Amino acid sequence: MADVTRDTRRSPQDLRPGPELDELDRRLLALLRENARMTNQALSEALGVAPSTCLARMKNLQRTGVIRRFTVEVEPRAIGRSIEALISVRLRPGARHLMSAFGEGLRSVPEVSQFFFLAGADDFLIHVTARDTDHIRQFVLEHLSSNQAVAATQTSLVFEHVQGSVEP
C-alpha cells in the first residue's frame, strides 16, 4: 500500500514522557482514527470544546509524539498492484554492520509499502505490493538476492490485509 505522509515522528530517544492521556485526548484520537481529515471546527464540535482547546490538544499530541504522522492509505489494486507479500530477510552474520544502510535502501524502492527491523532469527520483514507474482520474484532478485549482505529470504503471499488500530 502506498503511503503519502506528513511525518511528525520522532525517534524513541526524542520522546519525552508527556502528561497522561485524559478522556478528551482519547476521544480526539478516536475521531482522528476514523477520519484524520476532520477540520478542527468539526472535531471541536464533536468533542464539545472550544476550537482553540481542540487545536491546543492536537498540537500537544503531535509535539509529545503521541500522534506520529497523518497519512493517506492508497488501495494497492487501484494503482495496479493486486498482490501483497511479506518477505523475511536474514542478513549474513558478517554484514550486521550494514543493517542501517540496508533499511535506508528499502525506503526508496516503490514496491516497499513498509518494513520492520526485527529481533530474532530474521533481521527484516518487508511488506511489498506488486502487479503479480512475477513482479514479486523480480523484486526479490533485484533488491534482495543480488545484495551481498543478504543471507536468506522467505516470501509469504498475503491473502487479506486487515488494518488494526492502537487504542490509547
C-alpha atoms as a PDB file:
ATOM      1  CA  MET A   1       0.000   0.000   0.000  1.00  0.00           C
ATOM      2  CA  ALA A   2       1.470   3.327  -0.981  1.00  0.00           C
ATOM      3  CA  ASP A   3       1.884   5.778   1.826  1.00  0.00           C
ATOM      4  CA  VAL A   4       1.827   9.561   1.427  1.00  0.00           C
ATOM      5  CA  THR A   5       2.628  11.175   4.736  1.00  0.00           C
ATOM      6  CA  ARG A   6       3.249  14.338   6.620  1.00  0.00           C
ATOM      7  CA  ASP A   7       5.753  12.933   9.034  1.00  0.00           C
ATOM      8  CA  THR A   8       5.749  14.142  12.629  1.00  0.00           C
ATOM      9  CA  ARG A   9       7.603  11.116  14.016  1.00  0.00           C
ATOM     10  CA  ARG A  10      10.442  11.446  16.442  1.00  0.00           C
ATOM     11  CA  SER A  11      13.000   8.881  17.369  1.00  0.00           C
ATOM     12  CA  PRO A  12      12.234   6.933  20.564  1.00  0.00           C
ATOM     13  CA  GLN A  13      15.081   8.817  22.267  1.00  0.00           C
ATOM     14  CA  ASP A  14      13.376  12.147  21.452  1.00  0.00           C
ATOM     15  CA  LEU A  15      10.071  11.179  23.061  1.00  0.00           C
ATOM     16  CA  ARG A  16       9.607  12.821  26.390  1.00  0.00           C
ATOM     17  CA  PRO A  17       7.025  11.465  28.757  1.00  0.00           C
ATOM     18  CA  GLY A  18       4.009  13.671  28.328  1.00  0.00           C
ATOM     19  CA  PRO A  19       1.018  14.072  30.538  1.00  0.00           C
ATOM     20  CA  GLU A  20      -1.237  11.083  30.864  1.00  0.00           C
ATOM     21  CA  LEU A  21      -3.898  10.983  28.172  1.00  0.00           C
ATOM     22  CA  ASP A  22      -7.203  12.068  29.592  1.00  0.00           C
ATOM     23  CA  GLU A  23     -10.669  11.237  28.270  1.00  0.00           C
ATOM     24  CA  LEU A  24     -10.694  14.246  25.926  1.00  0.00           C
ATOM     25  CA  ASP A  25      -7.367  13.199  24.368  1.00  0.00           C
ATOM     26  CA  ARG A  26      -8.654   9.654  23.915  1.00  0.00           C
ATOM     27  CA  ARG A  27     -11.864  10.860  22.262  1.00  0.00           C
ATOM     28  CA  LEU A  28      -9.863  13.181  19.987  1.00  0.00           C
ATOM     29  CA  LEU A  29      -7.606  10.301  18.928  1.00  0.00           C
ATOM     30  CA  ALA A  30     -10.622   8.067  18.269  1.00  0.00           C
ATOM     31  CA  LEU A  31     -12.161  10.711  15.991  1.00  0.00           C
ATOM     32  CA  LEU A  32      -8.881  11.165  14.130  1.00  0.00           C
ATOM     33  CA  ARG A  33      -8.513   7.401  13.632  1.00  0.00           C
ATOM     34  CA  GLU A  34     -11.925   7.423  11.961  1.00  0.00           C
ATOM     35  CA  ASN A  35     -11.165  10.469   9.807  1.00  0.00           C
ATOM     36  CA  ALA A  36      -7.829  12.271  10.095  1.00  0.00           C
ATOM     37  CA  ARG A  37      -9.114  14.933   7.689  1.00  0.00           C
ATOM     38  CA  MET A  38     -11.763  16.278  10.062  1.00  0.00           C
ATOM     39  CA  THR A  39     -11.464  20.022  10.444  1.00  0.00           C
ATOM     40  CA  ASN A  40     -10.612  21.497  13.798  1.00  0.00           C
ATOM     41  CA  GLN A  41     -14.107  23.009  13.865  1.00  0.00           C
ATOM     42  CA  ALA A  42     -15.759  19.604  13.310  1.00  0.00           C
ATOM     43  CA  LEU A  43     -13.507  17.975  15.907  1.00  0.00           C
ATOM     44  CA  SER A  44     -14.233  20.646  18.500  1.00  0.00           C
ATOM     45  CA  GLU A  45     -17.986  20.349  17.895  1.00  0.00           C
ATOM     46  CA  ALA A  46     -17.864  16.545  18.208  1.00  0.00           C
ATOM     47  CA  LEU A  47     -15.871  16.858  21.438  1.00  0.00           C
ATOM     48  CA  GLY A  48     -17.968  19.709  22.839  1.00  0.00           C
ATOM     49  CA  VAL A  49     -14.974  22.002  23.412  1.00  0.00           C
ATOM     50  CA  ALA A  50     -13.792  25.319  22.016  1.00  0.00           C
ATOM     51  CA  PRO A  51     -11.825  25.146  18.735  1.00  0.00           C
ATOM     52  CA  SER A  52      -8.805  26.697  20.496  1.00  0.00           C
ATOM     53  CA  THR A  53      -8.859  23.904  23.106  1.00  0.00           C
ATOM     54  CA  CYS A  54      -9.100  21.258  20.405  1.00  0.00           C
ATOM     55  CA  LEU A  55      -6.226  22.778  18.426  1.00  0.00           C
ATOM     56  CA  ALA A  56      -4.046  23.024  21.542  1.00  0.00           C
ATOM     57  CA  ARG A  57      -4.726  19.370  22.381  1.00  0.00           C
ATOM     58  CA  MET A  58      -3.910  18.304  18.817  1.00  0.00           C
ATOM     59  CA  LYS A  59      -0.639  20.259  18.789  1.00  0.00           C
ATOM     60  CA  ASN A  60       0.334  18.813  22.166  1.00  0.00           C
ATOM     61  CA  LEU A  61      -0.360  15.259  20.970  1.00  0.00           C
ATOM     62  CA  GLN A  62       1.898  15.908  17.967  1.00  0.00           C
ATOM     63  CA  ARG A  63       4.621  17.657  19.979  1.00  0.00           C
ATOM     64  CA  THR A  64       4.820  14.828  22.514  1.00  0.00           C
ATOM     65  CA  GLY A  65       4.915  12.161  19.790  1.00  0.00           C
ATOM     66  CA  VAL A  66       1.531  10.584  20.565  1.00  0.00           C
ATOM     67  CA  ILE A  67       0.465  11.452  17.004  1.00  0.00           C
ATOM     68  CA  ARG A  68       3.357  10.376  14.801  1.00  0.00           C
ATOM     69  CA  ARG A  69       2.002  11.334  11.390  1.00  0.00           C
ATOM     70  CA  PHE A  70      -1.024  11.983   9.222  1.00  0.00           C
ATOM     71  CA  THR A  71      -1.199   9.636   6.265  1.00  0.00           C
ATOM     72  CA  VAL A  72      -3.133   8.689   3.166  1.00  0.00           C
ATOM     73  CA  GLU A  73      -3.692   4.983   2.655  1.00  0.00           C
ATOM     74  CA  VAL A  74      -3.837   4.065  -1.034  1.00  0.00           C
ATOM     75  CA  GLU A  75      -5.608   0.895  -2.155  1.00  0.00           C
ATOM     76  CA  PRO A  76      -2.892  -1.153  -3.955  1.00  0.00           C
ATOM     77  CA  ARG A  77      -5.361  -2.570  -6.515  1.00  0.00           C
ATOM     78  CA  ALA A  78      -6.304   0.967  -7.565  1.00  0.00           C
ATOM     79  CA  ILE A  79      -2.716   1.552  -8.716  1.00  0.00           C
ATOM     80  CA  GLY A  80      -2.287  -1.823 -10.431  1.00  0.00           C
ATOM     81  CA  ARG A  81      -0.762  -3.727  -7.524  1.00  0.00           C
ATOM     82  CA  SER A  82      -3.122  -6.623  -6.924  1.00  0.00           C
ATOM     83  CA  ILE A  83      -0.847  -8.790  -4.796  1.00  0.00           C
ATOM     84  CA  GLU A  84       0.899  -8.242  -1.472  1.00  0.00           C
ATOM     85  CA  ALA A  85       3.674 -10.223   0.162  1.00  0.00           C
ATOM     86  CA  LEU A  86       5.651 -10.272   3.372  1.00  0.00           C
ATOM     87  CA  ILE A  87       9.315 -11.059   2.849  1.00  0.00           C
ATOM     88  CA  SER A  88      11.535 -12.082   5.750  1.00  0.00           C
ATOM     89  CA  VAL A  89      15.192 -11.187   5.272  1.00  0.00           C
ATOM     90  CA  ARG A  90      18.171 -12.507   7.191  1.00  0.00           C
ATOM     91  CA  LEU A  91      21.480 -10.719   6.720  1.00  0.00           C
ATOM     92  CA  ARG A  92      24.810 -12.520   6.744  1.00  0.00           C
ATOM     93  CA  PRO A  93      26.484 -12.562  10.184  1.00  0.00           C
ATOM     94  CA  GLY A  94      29.436 -10.548   8.839  1.00  0.00           C
ATOM     95  CA  ALA A  95      27.083  -7.957   7.359  1.00  0.00           C
ATOM     96  CA  ARG A  96      25.301  -6.913  10.556  1.00  0.00           C
ATOM     97  CA  HIS A  97      27.021  -3.510  10.386  1.00  0.00           C
ATOM     98  CA  LEU A  98      25.086  -2.884   7.137  1.00  0.00           C
ATOM     99  CA  MET A  99      21.628  -3.111   8.737  1.00  0.00           C
ATOM    100  CA  SER A 100      21.053   0.641   8.775  1.00  0.00           C
ATOM    101  CA  ALA A 101      22.174   1.063   5.174  1.00  0.00           C
ATOM    102  CA  PHE A 102      20.038  -1.900   4.093  1.00  0.00           C
ATOM    103  CA  GLY A 103      16.957  -0.386   5.758  1.00  0.00           C
ATOM    104  CA  GLU A 104      17.628   3.045   4.276  1.00  0.00           C
ATOM    105  CA  GLY A 105      17.927   1.454   0.826  1.00  0.00           C
ATOM    106  CA  LEU A 106      14.445  -0.051   1.183  1.00  0.00           C
ATOM    107  CA  ARG A 107      12.875   3.395   1.680  1.00  0.00           C
ATOM    108  CA  SER A 108      13.330   4.342  -1.981  1.00  0.00           C
ATOM    109  CA  VAL A 109      12.006   1.119  -3.525  1.00  0.00           C
ATOM    110  CA  PRO A 110       8.463   1.682  -4.882  1.00  0.00           C
ATOM    111  CA  GLU A 111       7.260  -1.851  -4.130  1.00  0.00           C
ATOM    112  CA  VAL A 112       8.074  -1.492  -0.415  1.00  0.00           C
ATOM    113  CA  SER A 113       4.996  -0.418   1.487  1.00  0.00           C
ATOM    114  CA  GLN A 114       6.638  -0.699   4.888  1.00  0.00           C
ATOM    115  CA  PHE A 115       9.341  -2.658   6.617  1.00  0.00           C
ATOM    116  CA  PHE A 116      10.235  -3.698  10.128  1.00  0.00           C
ATOM    117  CA  PHE A 117      13.663  -4.147  11.712  1.00  0.00           C
ATOM    118  CA  LEU A 118      13.342  -7.245  13.894  1.00  0.00           C
ATOM    119  CA  ALA A 119      14.867  -9.074  16.810  1.00  0.00           C
ATOM    120  CA  GLY A 120      15.061 -12.830  16.373  1.00  0.00           C
ATOM    121  CA  ALA A 121      16.078 -15.151  13.557  1.00  0.00           C
ATOM    122  CA  ASP A 122      15.242 -12.675  10.797  1.00  0.00           C
ATOM    123  CA  ASP A 123      16.541  -9.121  10.583  1.00  0.00           C
ATOM    124  CA  PHE A 124      13.811  -7.502   8.466  1.00  0.00           C
ATOM    125  CA  LEU A 125      10.204  -8.094   7.483  1.00  0.00           C
ATOM    126  CA  ILE A 126       9.298  -6.259   4.286  1.00  0.00           C
ATOM    127  CA  HIS A 127       5.723  -5.625   3.149  1.00  0.00           C
ATOM    128  CA  VAL A 128       5.601  -5.262  -0.638  1.00  0.00           C
ATOM    129  CA  THR A 129       2.838  -4.642  -3.158  1.00  0.00           C
ATOM    130  CA  ALA A 130       3.171  -5.814  -6.744  1.00  0.00           C
ATOM    131  CA  ARG A 131       1.326  -6.410 -10.008  1.00  0.00           C
ATOM    132  CA  ASP A 132       1.695 -10.193  -9.837  1.00  0.00           C
ATOM    133  CA  THR A 133       3.960 -12.979  -8.580  1.00  0.00           C
ATOM    134  CA  ASP A 134       6.482 -12.330 -11.370  1.00  0.00           C
ATOM    135  CA  HIS A 135       6.780  -8.764 -10.109  1.00  0.00           C
ATOM    136  CA  ILE A 136       7.468 -10.057  -6.569  1.00  0.00           C
ATOM    137  CA  ARG A 137      10.038 -12.513  -7.931  1.00  0.00           C
ATOM    138  CA  GLN A 138      11.757  -9.676  -9.794  1.00  0.00           C
ATOM    139  CA  PHE A 139      11.766  -7.562  -6.626  1.00  0.00           C
ATOM    140  CA  VAL A 140      13.423 -10.354  -4.642  1.00  0.00           C
ATOM    141  CA  LEU A 141      16.034 -10.953  -7.347  1.00  0.00           C
ATOM    142  CA  GLU A 142      16.887  -7.273  -7.913  1.00  0.00           C
ATOM    143  CA  HIS A 143      16.736  -5.906  -4.385  1.00  0.00           C
ATOM    144  CA  LEU A 144      17.414  -8.836  -2.088  1.00  0.00           C
ATOM    145  CA  SER A 145      19.086 -11.897  -3.618  1.00  0.00           C
ATOM    146  CA  SER A 146      21.622  -9.777  -5.507  1.00  0.00           C
ATOM    147  CA  ASN A 147      22.606  -7.943  -2.303  1.00  0.00           C
ATOM    148  CA  GLN A 148      25.824  -9.407  -0.846  1.00  0.00           C
ATOM    149  CA  ALA A 149      24.618  -8.658   2.688  1.00  0.00           C
ATOM    150  CA  VAL A 150      21.519 -10.882   2.360  1.00  0.00           C
ATOM    151  CA  ALA A 151      21.894 -14.485   3.540  1.00  0.00           C
ATOM    152  CA  ALA A 152      18.304 -15.685   3.076  1.00  0.00           C
ATOM    153  CA  THR A 153      14.774 -14.590   2.247  1.00  0.00           C
ATOM    154  CA  GLN A 154      11.376 -16.158   2.710  1.00  0.00           C
ATOM    155  CA  THR A 155       8.309 -14.838   0.887  1.00  0.00           C
ATOM    156  CA  SER A 156       4.742 -15.264   2.098  1.00  0.00           C
ATOM    157  CA  LEU A 157       1.823 -14.106  -0.039  1.00  0.00           C
ATOM    158  CA  VAL A 158      -0.845 -12.075   1.741  1.00  0.00           C
ATOM    159  CA  PHE A 159      -4.406 -13.312   1.170  1.00  0.00           C
ATOM    160  CA  GLU A 160      -6.045 -10.474   3.077  1.00  0.00           C
ATOM    161  CA  HIS A 161      -4.657  -7.357   4.751  1.00  0.00           C
ATOM    162  CA  VAL A 162      -6.706  -6.087   7.684  1.00  0.00           C
ATOM    163  CA  GLN A 163      -5.606  -2.876   9.390  1.00  0.00           C
ATOM    164  CA  GLY A 164      -5.818  -2.644  13.153  1.00  0.00           C
ATOM    165  CA  SER A 165      -5.581   0.382  15.358  1.00  0.00           C
ATOM    166  CA  VAL A 166      -3.776   1.268  18.514  1.00  0.00           C
ATOM    167  CA  GLU A 167      -6.146   2.208  21.284  1.00  0.00           C
ATOM    168  CA  PRO A 168      -4.866   4.874  23.656  1.00  0.00           C
END
